[in-house]
Amino acid sequence: MKFLFDLFPVILFFGVFKWGEGNADAAQAFAQQYLSGIVSGGVVTAAQAPILLATAIAIIATFAQIGYLLVRGKKVDKMLWISLVIIAVFGGATIYFHNETFIKWKPTVLYWCFAAVLLFSQMFFNKNLVRTMLEKQMSLPEGVWRRVNLSWVAFFLTMGLLNLYVAYSFPTNIWVNFKMFGGMGLMFLFIIVQSMMLSKYLKEPQ
């Protein structure tokens, strides 16, 4: 359930973009009606409408996520706050300048923020955040915990570079597909491979 909650903005982004692609006239009319006031020049073309609508929905969905957690009295993860700032800044720039480049950079910036938090926490605060999340499920030697943490740093750095490669090498619709399926698929694959490698350290249920 939490997994779907975390993916909520991404799923909506993908769905709205695909709807906009298949309904160009309706998407343009909708975007012109609701976004023209915050778009530089006040005009949204049919080609721009899908990505602008998808970006606007992703921003709203991220605000809704945090609002829901706050209303329920639940803790909002720091990375969700960071995600909100990034989507608001880069998504807002995409809408205002009607330029998809900004929103295409958003996943990369988020991945690199993840990597920086993991790396700096270990280097400067001697705190292994991956260990904090997983130590109840497995017991690893200190050196292995460090390698696991660094493997996630490397993964997020690589994902950031891969996102930029796809964003600048392929049309926007291919990038949107990669954002939805490619990034998630690679994440699953990485987790599966790492789980197999660490399976011998799993704690037996009491």
Protein backbone atom coordinates (compact mmCIF):
# COMPACT_ATOMS: atom_id res chain seq x y z
CA MET A 1 0.00 0.00 0.00
CA LYS A 2 2.81 2.42 0.89
CA PHE A 3 4.48 1.57 -2.42
CA LEU A 4 1.38 2.70 -4.35
CA PHE A 5 1.11 5.78 -2.15
CA ASP A 6 4.71 6.73 -2.95
CA LEU A 7 4.11 6.20 -6.67
CA PHE A 8 0.85 8.18 -6.68
CA PRO A 9 2.27 11.33 -8.39
CA VAL A 10 4.21 9.26 -10.94
CA ILE A 11 1.16 7.18 -11.86
CA LEU A 12 -0.98 10.31 -12.29
CA PHE A 13 1.79 11.99 -14.31
CA PHE A 14 1.93 9.01 -16.67
CA GLY A 15 -1.86 8.68 -16.96
CA VAL A 16 -2.49 12.36 -17.66
CA PHE A 17 0.32 12.53 -20.21
CA LYS A 18 -1.03 9.51 -22.09
CA TRP A 19 -4.54 10.96 -21.99
CA GLY A 20 -3.21 14.25 -23.35
CA GLU A 21 -1.38 12.45 -26.16
CA GLY A 22 -4.53 10.62 -27.23
CA ASN A 23 -6.86 13.61 -26.84
CA ALA A 24 -4.83 16.51 -28.18
CA ASP A 25 -7.70 18.97 -28.72
CA ALA A 26 -9.30 18.33 -25.34
CA ALA A 27 -5.92 18.51 -23.59
CA GLN A 28 -5.08 21.80 -25.25
CA ALA A 29 -8.47 23.28 -24.36
CA PHE A 30 -8.17 22.12 -20.75
CA ALA A 31 -4.60 23.36 -20.40
CA GLN A 32 -5.47 26.68 -22.02
CA GLN A 33 -8.37 27.14 -19.62
CA TYR A 34 -6.56 26.27 -16.40
CA LEU A 35 -2.88 26.92 -17.06
CA SER A 36 -2.81 29.94 -19.37
CA GLY A 37 -2.68 32.28 -16.38
CA ILE A 38 0.61 30.81 -15.16
CA VAL A 39 2.22 30.11 -18.54
CA SER A 40 4.58 32.68 -19.99
CA GLY A 41 2.80 34.29 -22.93
CA GLY A 42 -0.56 32.82 -21.87
CA VAL A 43 -0.79 30.35 -24.75
CA VAL A 44 -0.57 26.54 -24.54
CA THR A 45 -0.11 24.66 -27.82
CA ALA A 46 -1.42 21.17 -28.52
CA ALA A 47 2.14 19.81 -28.47
CA GLN A 48 2.83 21.34 -25.05
CA ALA A 49 -0.47 20.45 -23.39
CA PRO A 50 0.22 16.80 -22.39
CA ILE A 51 3.48 17.46 -20.54
CA LEU A 52 2.20 20.67 -18.92
CA LEU A 53 -0.98 19.00 -17.66
CA ALA A 54 0.94 15.95 -16.44
CA THR A 55 3.40 18.20 -14.61
CA ALA A 56 0.64 20.24 -12.98
CA ILE A 57 -1.10 17.06 -11.79
CA ALA A 58 2.17 15.68 -10.36
CA ILE A 59 2.70 18.88 -8.37
CA ILE A 60 -0.85 18.79 -7.01
CA ALA A 61 -0.55 15.08 -6.17
CA THR A 62 2.66 15.62 -4.22
CA PHE A 63 1.06 18.42 -2.20
CA ALA A 64 -1.94 16.11 -1.65
CA GLN A 65 0.35 13.33 -0.36
CA ILE A 66 1.86 15.58 2.28
CA GLY A 67 -1.50 17.11 3.15
CA TYR A 68 -2.99 13.65 3.67
CA LEU A 69 -0.16 12.61 5.99
CA LEU A 70 -0.37 15.82 8.00
CA VAL A 71 -4.14 15.56 8.41
CA ARG A 72 -3.76 11.96 9.57
CA GLY A 73 -1.12 13.06 12.07
CA LYS A 74 1.56 10.94 10.45
CA LYS A 75 5.23 11.78 10.00
CA VAL A 76 6.25 13.14 6.61
CA ASP A 77 9.58 11.66 5.48
CA LYS A 78 12.32 14.17 4.79
CA MET A 79 12.72 12.80 1.27
CA LEU A 80 9.05 13.52 0.56
CA TRP A 81 9.60 17.14 1.56
CA ILE A 82 12.65 17.22 -0.72
CA SER A 83 10.58 15.68 -3.51
CA LEU A 84 7.93 18.37 -3.03
CA VAL A 85 10.50 21.16 -3.31
CA ILE A 86 12.05 19.64 -6.43
CA ILE A 87 8.75 18.99 -8.21
CA ALA A 88 7.47 22.46 -7.28
CA VAL A 89 10.61 24.20 -8.57
CA PHE A 90 11.32 22.15 -11.69
CA GLY A 91 7.66 21.46 -12.47
CA GLY A 92 6.77 25.09 -11.94
CA ALA A 93 9.56 26.13 -14.30
CA THR A 94 8.32 23.68 -16.94
CA ILE A 95 4.80 25.13 -16.74
CA TYR A 96 5.81 28.79 -16.65
CA PHE A 97 8.37 28.56 -19.44
CA HIS A 98 6.37 25.77 -21.21
CA ASN A 99 9.66 23.92 -21.50
CA GLU A 100 9.77 20.19 -20.77
CA THR A 101 13.52 20.24 -20.06
CA PHE A 102 12.98 21.28 -16.45
CA ILE A 103 10.63 18.41 -15.54
CA LYS A 104 12.94 15.96 -17.31
CA TRP A 105 15.71 17.01 -14.92
CA LYS A 106 13.49 16.44 -11.86
CA PRO A 107 14.11 12.65 -11.52
CA THR A 108 17.86 13.15 -11.89
CA VAL A 109 17.97 15.83 -9.21
CA LEU A 110 15.87 13.63 -6.91
CA TYR A 111 18.08 10.56 -7.50
CA TRP A 112 21.21 12.60 -6.83
CA CYS A 113 19.67 14.05 -3.65
CA PHE A 114 19.05 10.48 -2.46
CA ALA A 115 22.66 9.59 -3.24
CA ALA A 116 23.99 12.70 -1.49
CA VAL A 117 21.94 12.08 1.65
CA LEU A 118 23.11 8.47 1.89
CA LEU A 119 26.75 9.34 1.20
CA PHE A 120 27.05 12.41 3.42
CA SER A 121 25.20 10.75 6.30
CA GLN A 122 27.78 7.97 6.28
CA MET A 123 30.84 10.16 5.68
CA PHE A 124 30.16 13.10 7.98
CA PHE A 125 27.68 11.81 10.57
CA ASN A 126 28.71 8.15 10.72
CA LYS A 127 25.07 7.22 10.15
CA ASN A 128 24.18 4.47 7.70
CA LEU A 129 20.60 5.18 6.64
CA VAL A 130 20.23 1.88 4.78
CA ARG A 131 21.22 0.08 7.97
CA THR A 132 18.65 2.09 9.91
CA MET A 133 15.92 0.85 7.56
CA LEU A 134 17.01 -2.79 7.28
CA GLU A 135 18.78 -3.81 10.48
CA LYS A 136 15.58 -5.29 11.95
CA GLN A 137 15.41 -7.72 9.01
CA MET A 138 19.06 -8.69 8.78
CA SER A 139 22.33 -8.62 10.67
CA LEU A 140 25.37 -7.63 8.62
CA PRO A 141 29.02 -7.01 9.46
CA GLU A 142 29.85 -3.32 9.62
CA GLY A 143 31.88 -3.48 6.42
CA VAL A 144 29.00 -5.07 4.53
CA TRP A 145 26.61 -2.35 5.74
CA ARG A 146 28.98 0.27 4.34
CA ARG A 147 29.15 -1.52 0.98
CA VAL A 148 25.37 -1.84 0.82
CA ASN A 149 25.00 1.86 1.52
CA LEU A 150 27.57 2.75 -1.14
CA SER A 151 25.88 0.42 -3.63
CA TRP A 152 22.68 2.45 -3.24
CA VAL A 153 24.67 5.65 -3.71
CA ALA A 154 26.11 4.24 -6.95
CA PHE A 155 22.67 3.07 -8.07
CA PHE A 156 21.07 6.48 -7.59
CA LEU A 157 23.96 8.26 -9.31
CA THR A 158 23.66 5.87 -12.26
CA MET A 159 19.88 6.29 -12.44
CA GLY A 160 20.32 10.05 -12.56
CA LEU A 161 22.68 9.79 -15.49
CA LEU A 162 20.47 7.25 -17.25
CA ASN A 163 17.46 9.54 -16.90
CA LEU A 164 19.36 12.36 -18.59
CA TYR A 165 20.50 10.05 -21.37
CA VAL A 166 16.93 8.99 -22.14
CA ALA A 167 15.61 12.55 -21.75
CA TYR A 168 18.07 14.00 -24.27
CA SER A 169 18.30 11.06 -26.67
CA PHE A 170 14.63 10.15 -27.19
CA PRO A 171 11.27 11.89 -27.68
CA THR A 172 9.29 12.97 -24.64
CA ASN A 173 6.81 10.08 -24.86
CA ILE A 174 9.69 7.59 -24.63
CA TRP A 175 11.06 9.43 -21.61
CA VAL A 176 7.65 9.31 -19.92
CA ASN A 177 7.48 5.54 -20.51
CA PHE A 178 10.97 5.14 -19.09
CA LYS A 179 10.07 7.28 -16.07
CA MET A 180 7.10 5.05 -15.32
CA PHE A 181 8.35 1.58 -16.26
CA GLY A 182 12.10 1.75 -16.84
CA GLY A 183 13.04 3.45 -13.59
CA MET A 184 10.68 1.31 -11.54
CA GLY A 185 11.81 -1.88 -13.29
CA LEU A 186 15.49 -1.15 -12.71
CA MET A 187 14.77 -0.37 -9.07
CA PHE A 188 13.02 -3.73 -8.64
CA LEU A 189 15.86 -5.52 -10.40
CA PHE A 190 18.46 -3.87 -8.19
CA ILE A 191 16.52 -4.75 -5.03
CA ILE A 192 16.09 -8.37 -6.15
CA VAL A 193 19.79 -8.81 -6.96
CA GLN A 194 20.84 -7.19 -3.71
CA SER A 195 18.33 -9.27 -1.72
CA MET A 196 19.71 -12.46 -3.23
CA MET A 197 23.25 -11.44 -2.34
CA LEU A 198 22.28 -10.60 1.26
CA SER A 199 19.82 -13.44 1.82
CA LYS A 200 22.28 -15.37 4.00
CA TYR A 201 22.17 -12.54 6.53
CA LEU A 202 18.39 -12.53 6.94
CA LYS A 203 17.26 -13.03 10.51
CA GLU A 204 15.18 -16.09 11.24
CA PRO A 205 11.64 -15.30 12.47
CA GLN A 206 11.21 -15.82 16.18
